[in-house]
N, C-alpha and C. Protein backbone atom coordinates (compact mmCIF):
# COMPACT_ATOMS: atom_id res chain seq x y z
N MET A 1 0.84 -1.19 0.00
CA MET A 1 0.00 0.00 0.00
C MET A 1 0.88 1.24 0.00
N PRO A 2 0.64 2.19 -0.91
CA PRO A 2 1.48 3.39 -0.97
C PRO A 2 1.25 4.29 0.24
N LEU A 3 2.26 5.04 0.58
CA LEU A 3 2.16 6.01 1.67
C LEU A 3 1.32 7.20 1.23
N ALA A 4 0.65 7.83 2.19
CA ALA A 4 -0.16 9.01 1.86
C ALA A 4 0.72 10.13 1.31
N ASN A 5 1.86 10.36 1.94
CA ASN A 5 2.81 11.37 1.49
C ASN A 5 4.18 10.74 1.41
N PRO A 6 4.43 10.00 0.34
CA PRO A 6 5.73 9.32 0.25
C PRO A 6 6.86 10.33 0.16
N ARG A 7 7.96 10.00 0.81
CA ARG A 7 9.13 10.88 0.79
C ARG A 7 10.17 10.28 -0.15
N LEU A 8 10.58 11.10 -1.08
CA LEU A 8 11.63 10.70 -2.00
C LEU A 8 12.94 11.27 -1.50
N ASP A 9 14.02 10.56 -1.79
CA ASP A 9 15.32 11.12 -1.46
C ASP A 9 16.16 11.20 -2.73
N VAL A 10 17.33 11.76 -2.60
CA VAL A 10 18.21 11.98 -3.75
C VAL A 10 18.54 10.65 -4.44
N ARG A 11 18.69 9.58 -3.67
CA ARG A 11 18.98 8.27 -4.27
C ARG A 11 17.85 7.83 -5.19
N ASP A 12 16.60 8.07 -4.77
CA ASP A 12 15.45 7.73 -5.62
C ASP A 12 15.52 8.49 -6.94
N LEU A 13 15.83 9.77 -6.87
CA LEU A 13 15.89 10.61 -8.07
C LEU A 13 17.01 10.15 -9.00
N ARG A 14 18.17 9.86 -8.43
CA ARG A 14 19.29 9.39 -9.24
C ARG A 14 18.99 8.02 -9.85
N LEU A 15 18.27 7.19 -9.12
CA LEU A 15 17.89 5.87 -9.62
C LEU A 15 17.05 5.99 -10.88
N VAL A 16 15.98 6.78 -10.84
CA VAL A 16 15.11 6.87 -12.01
C VAL A 16 15.82 7.53 -13.19
N LEU A 17 16.68 8.50 -12.92
CA LEU A 17 17.42 9.14 -14.01
C LEU A 17 18.42 8.18 -14.66
N ALA A 18 19.08 7.36 -13.85
CA ALA A 18 20.03 6.40 -14.41
C ALA A 18 19.31 5.34 -15.25
N ILE A 19 18.17 4.89 -14.79
CA ILE A 19 17.41 3.90 -15.56
C ILE A 19 16.91 4.51 -16.85
N GLU A 20 16.43 5.73 -16.78
CA GLU A 20 15.94 6.39 -17.99
C GLU A 20 17.09 6.60 -18.99
N ALA A 21 18.25 6.98 -18.49
CA ALA A 21 19.39 7.26 -19.36
C ALA A 21 19.92 6.01 -20.05
N THR A 22 19.85 4.88 -19.36
CA THR A 22 20.44 3.65 -19.89
C THR A 22 19.41 2.70 -20.47
N GLY A 23 18.19 2.79 -20.02
CA GLY A 23 17.14 1.91 -20.52
C GLY A 23 17.10 0.54 -19.87
N SER A 24 17.94 0.33 -18.85
CA SER A 24 17.91 -0.97 -18.17
C SER A 24 18.50 -0.87 -16.77
N THR A 25 18.08 -1.81 -15.93
CA THR A 25 18.66 -1.87 -14.59
C THR A 25 20.10 -2.37 -14.65
N THR A 26 20.40 -3.23 -15.61
CA THR A 26 21.76 -3.77 -15.75
C THR A 26 22.75 -2.66 -16.08
N ALA A 27 22.39 -1.82 -17.04
CA ALA A 27 23.29 -0.73 -17.44
C ALA A 27 23.33 0.38 -16.39
N ALA A 28 22.23 0.56 -15.65
CA ALA A 28 22.19 1.61 -14.63
C ALA A 28 23.00 1.23 -13.40
N ALA A 29 23.12 -0.06 -13.13
CA ALA A 29 23.79 -0.52 -11.90
C ALA A 29 25.18 0.06 -11.71
N PRO A 30 26.08 -0.01 -12.70
CA PRO A 30 27.43 0.55 -12.47
C PRO A 30 27.42 2.06 -12.24
N LEU A 31 26.49 2.76 -12.88
CA LEU A 31 26.40 4.21 -12.67
C LEU A 31 26.03 4.54 -11.24
N LEU A 32 25.26 3.65 -10.62
CA LEU A 32 24.77 3.86 -9.26
C LEU A 32 25.64 3.16 -8.21
N HIS A 33 26.68 2.47 -8.68
CA HIS A 33 27.57 1.70 -7.79
C HIS A 33 26.78 0.66 -7.01
N LEU A 34 25.86 -0.01 -7.73
CA LEU A 34 25.03 -1.06 -7.15
C LEU A 34 25.08 -2.28 -8.08
N THR A 35 24.53 -3.38 -7.59
CA THR A 35 24.37 -4.55 -8.45
C THR A 35 23.04 -4.44 -9.16
N GLN A 36 22.89 -5.20 -10.25
CA GLN A 36 21.63 -5.18 -10.98
C GLN A 36 20.45 -5.61 -10.10
N PRO A 37 20.58 -6.68 -9.30
CA PRO A 37 19.44 -7.04 -8.44
C PRO A 37 19.08 -5.93 -7.45
N ALA A 38 20.07 -5.21 -6.95
CA ALA A 38 19.78 -4.11 -6.02
C ALA A 38 19.03 -2.99 -6.72
N VAL A 39 19.39 -2.70 -7.96
CA VAL A 39 18.68 -1.66 -8.72
C VAL A 39 17.24 -2.10 -8.99
N SER A 40 17.06 -3.35 -9.37
CA SER A 40 15.71 -3.86 -9.62
C SER A 40 14.86 -3.79 -8.37
N ARG A 41 15.42 -4.20 -7.24
CA ARG A 41 14.67 -4.12 -5.98
C ARG A 41 14.35 -2.67 -5.62
N ALA A 42 15.30 -1.78 -5.85
CA ALA A 42 15.08 -0.37 -5.51
C ALA A 42 13.96 0.25 -6.35
N VAL A 43 13.92 -0.05 -7.64
CA VAL A 43 12.87 0.53 -8.48
C VAL A 43 11.52 -0.07 -8.11
N LEU A 44 11.47 -1.36 -7.80
CA LEU A 44 10.20 -1.96 -7.37
C LEU A 44 9.74 -1.36 -6.04
N ALA A 45 10.67 -1.13 -5.12
CA ALA A 45 10.33 -0.52 -3.84
C ALA A 45 9.83 0.91 -4.04
N LEU A 46 10.46 1.65 -4.95
CA LEU A 46 10.03 3.02 -5.22
C LEU A 46 8.63 3.03 -5.83
N GLU A 47 8.39 2.12 -6.78
CA GLU A 47 7.06 2.04 -7.37
C GLU A 47 6.02 1.68 -6.32
N ASP A 48 6.37 0.79 -5.41
CA ASP A 48 5.45 0.43 -4.32
C ASP A 48 5.21 1.63 -3.41
N LYS A 49 6.27 2.36 -3.09
CA LYS A 49 6.15 3.53 -2.22
C LYS A 49 5.24 4.58 -2.85
N LEU A 50 5.36 4.77 -4.15
CA LEU A 50 4.57 5.79 -4.85
C LEU A 50 3.20 5.27 -5.29
N GLY A 51 3.03 3.96 -5.26
CA GLY A 51 1.77 3.38 -5.68
C GLY A 51 1.51 3.53 -7.17
N ALA A 52 2.58 3.53 -7.96
CA ALA A 52 2.44 3.72 -9.41
C ALA A 52 3.59 3.04 -10.12
N GLN A 53 3.30 2.50 -11.30
CA GLN A 53 4.35 1.93 -12.13
C GLN A 53 5.07 3.08 -12.81
N LEU A 54 6.38 3.12 -12.66
CA LEU A 54 7.19 4.20 -13.24
C LEU A 54 7.80 3.82 -14.57
N PHE A 55 8.00 2.51 -14.79
CA PHE A 55 8.64 2.04 -16.01
C PHE A 55 7.87 0.87 -16.61
N GLU A 56 7.75 0.90 -17.93
CA GLU A 56 7.22 -0.24 -18.67
C GLU A 56 8.38 -1.20 -18.88
N ARG A 57 8.13 -2.49 -18.64
CA ARG A 57 9.16 -3.50 -18.85
C ARG A 57 8.88 -4.21 -20.18
N THR A 58 9.84 -4.15 -21.08
CA THR A 58 9.70 -4.80 -22.38
C THR A 58 10.98 -5.58 -22.67
N PRO A 59 10.97 -6.46 -23.66
CA PRO A 59 12.20 -7.15 -24.02
C PRO A 59 13.32 -6.19 -24.44
N GLN A 60 12.96 -5.00 -24.91
CA GLN A 60 13.96 -4.02 -25.33
C GLN A 60 14.51 -3.22 -24.15
N GLY A 61 13.92 -3.34 -22.98
CA GLY A 61 14.39 -2.61 -21.81
C GLY A 61 13.26 -1.90 -21.09
N LEU A 62 13.62 -0.88 -20.37
CA LEU A 62 12.66 -0.11 -19.58
C LEU A 62 12.42 1.25 -20.22
N SER A 63 11.17 1.67 -20.21
CA SER A 63 10.84 3.03 -20.66
C SER A 63 9.85 3.62 -19.68
N ALA A 64 9.94 4.90 -19.45
CA ALA A 64 9.12 5.56 -18.45
C ALA A 64 7.65 5.60 -18.86
N THR A 65 6.80 5.34 -17.89
CA THR A 65 5.36 5.50 -18.06
C THR A 65 5.05 7.00 -17.98
N GLU A 66 3.81 7.36 -18.13
CA GLU A 66 3.42 8.77 -18.00
C GLU A 66 3.78 9.29 -16.61
N ARG A 67 3.48 8.51 -15.60
CA ARG A 67 3.82 8.90 -14.22
C ARG A 67 5.34 8.98 -14.05
N GLY A 68 6.03 8.03 -14.66
CA GLY A 68 7.49 8.05 -14.61
C GLY A 68 8.07 9.28 -15.28
N GLN A 69 7.48 9.69 -16.40
CA GLN A 69 7.94 10.89 -17.10
C GLN A 69 7.80 12.12 -16.21
N ARG A 70 6.68 12.21 -15.49
CA ARG A 70 6.48 13.35 -14.59
C ARG A 70 7.53 13.36 -13.48
N LEU A 71 7.82 12.16 -12.96
CA LEU A 71 8.85 12.08 -11.92
C LEU A 71 10.21 12.46 -12.48
N LEU A 72 10.52 12.03 -13.68
CA LEU A 72 11.80 12.36 -14.30
C LEU A 72 11.98 13.86 -14.48
N VAL A 73 10.93 14.56 -14.89
CA VAL A 73 11.00 16.02 -15.06
C VAL A 73 11.35 16.67 -13.73
N GLY A 74 10.65 16.26 -12.68
CA GLY A 74 10.93 16.81 -11.36
C GLY A 74 12.31 16.44 -10.85
N ALA A 75 12.72 15.21 -11.10
CA ALA A 75 14.04 14.75 -10.65
C ALA A 75 15.15 15.56 -11.30
N ARG A 76 15.02 15.79 -12.60
CA ARG A 76 16.05 16.60 -13.30
C ARG A 76 16.13 18.01 -12.70
N ARG A 77 14.98 18.60 -12.48
CA ARG A 77 14.93 19.95 -11.94
C ARG A 77 15.54 20.00 -10.54
N LEU A 78 15.12 19.09 -9.68
CA LEU A 78 15.61 19.10 -8.30
C LEU A 78 17.10 18.82 -8.21
N LEU A 79 17.59 17.86 -9.00
CA LEU A 79 19.02 17.57 -8.95
C LEU A 79 19.85 18.70 -9.54
N ALA A 80 19.30 19.42 -10.53
CA ALA A 80 20.00 20.59 -11.07
C ALA A 80 20.08 21.68 -10.01
N GLU A 81 19.00 21.88 -9.27
CA GLU A 81 19.00 22.90 -8.20
C GLU A 81 19.96 22.50 -7.10
N LEU A 82 19.99 21.23 -6.73
CA LEU A 82 20.91 20.74 -5.71
C LEU A 82 22.36 20.95 -6.14
N SER A 83 22.63 20.65 -7.40
CA SER A 83 23.98 20.83 -7.93
C SER A 83 24.39 22.30 -7.89
N ALA A 84 23.46 23.19 -8.21
CA ALA A 84 23.75 24.63 -8.17
C ALA A 84 24.05 25.10 -6.75
N LEU A 85 23.39 24.51 -5.78
CA LEU A 85 23.63 24.88 -4.38
C LEU A 85 24.99 24.39 -3.89
N GLU A 86 25.41 23.26 -4.43
CA GLU A 86 26.70 22.70 -3.99
C GLU A 86 27.83 23.52 -4.56
């Protein structure tokens, strides 16, 4: 069951951006310094936390759903702002 007000952290944002950039959990894993199973578990946990599917799974890889696209837009913006503050 999703949380009423799920809290995202920077790791969640970097996770979805890495998957979007690479199209797979396998290719995203080295970028995140994680194993492929850890990335898969993390994306499933995030989808459960948000109560929405963020990525379509196909034989060609992962692609963002409409909800995933909205999260990606926000993730890019927030990480750009964080980078500017650093």
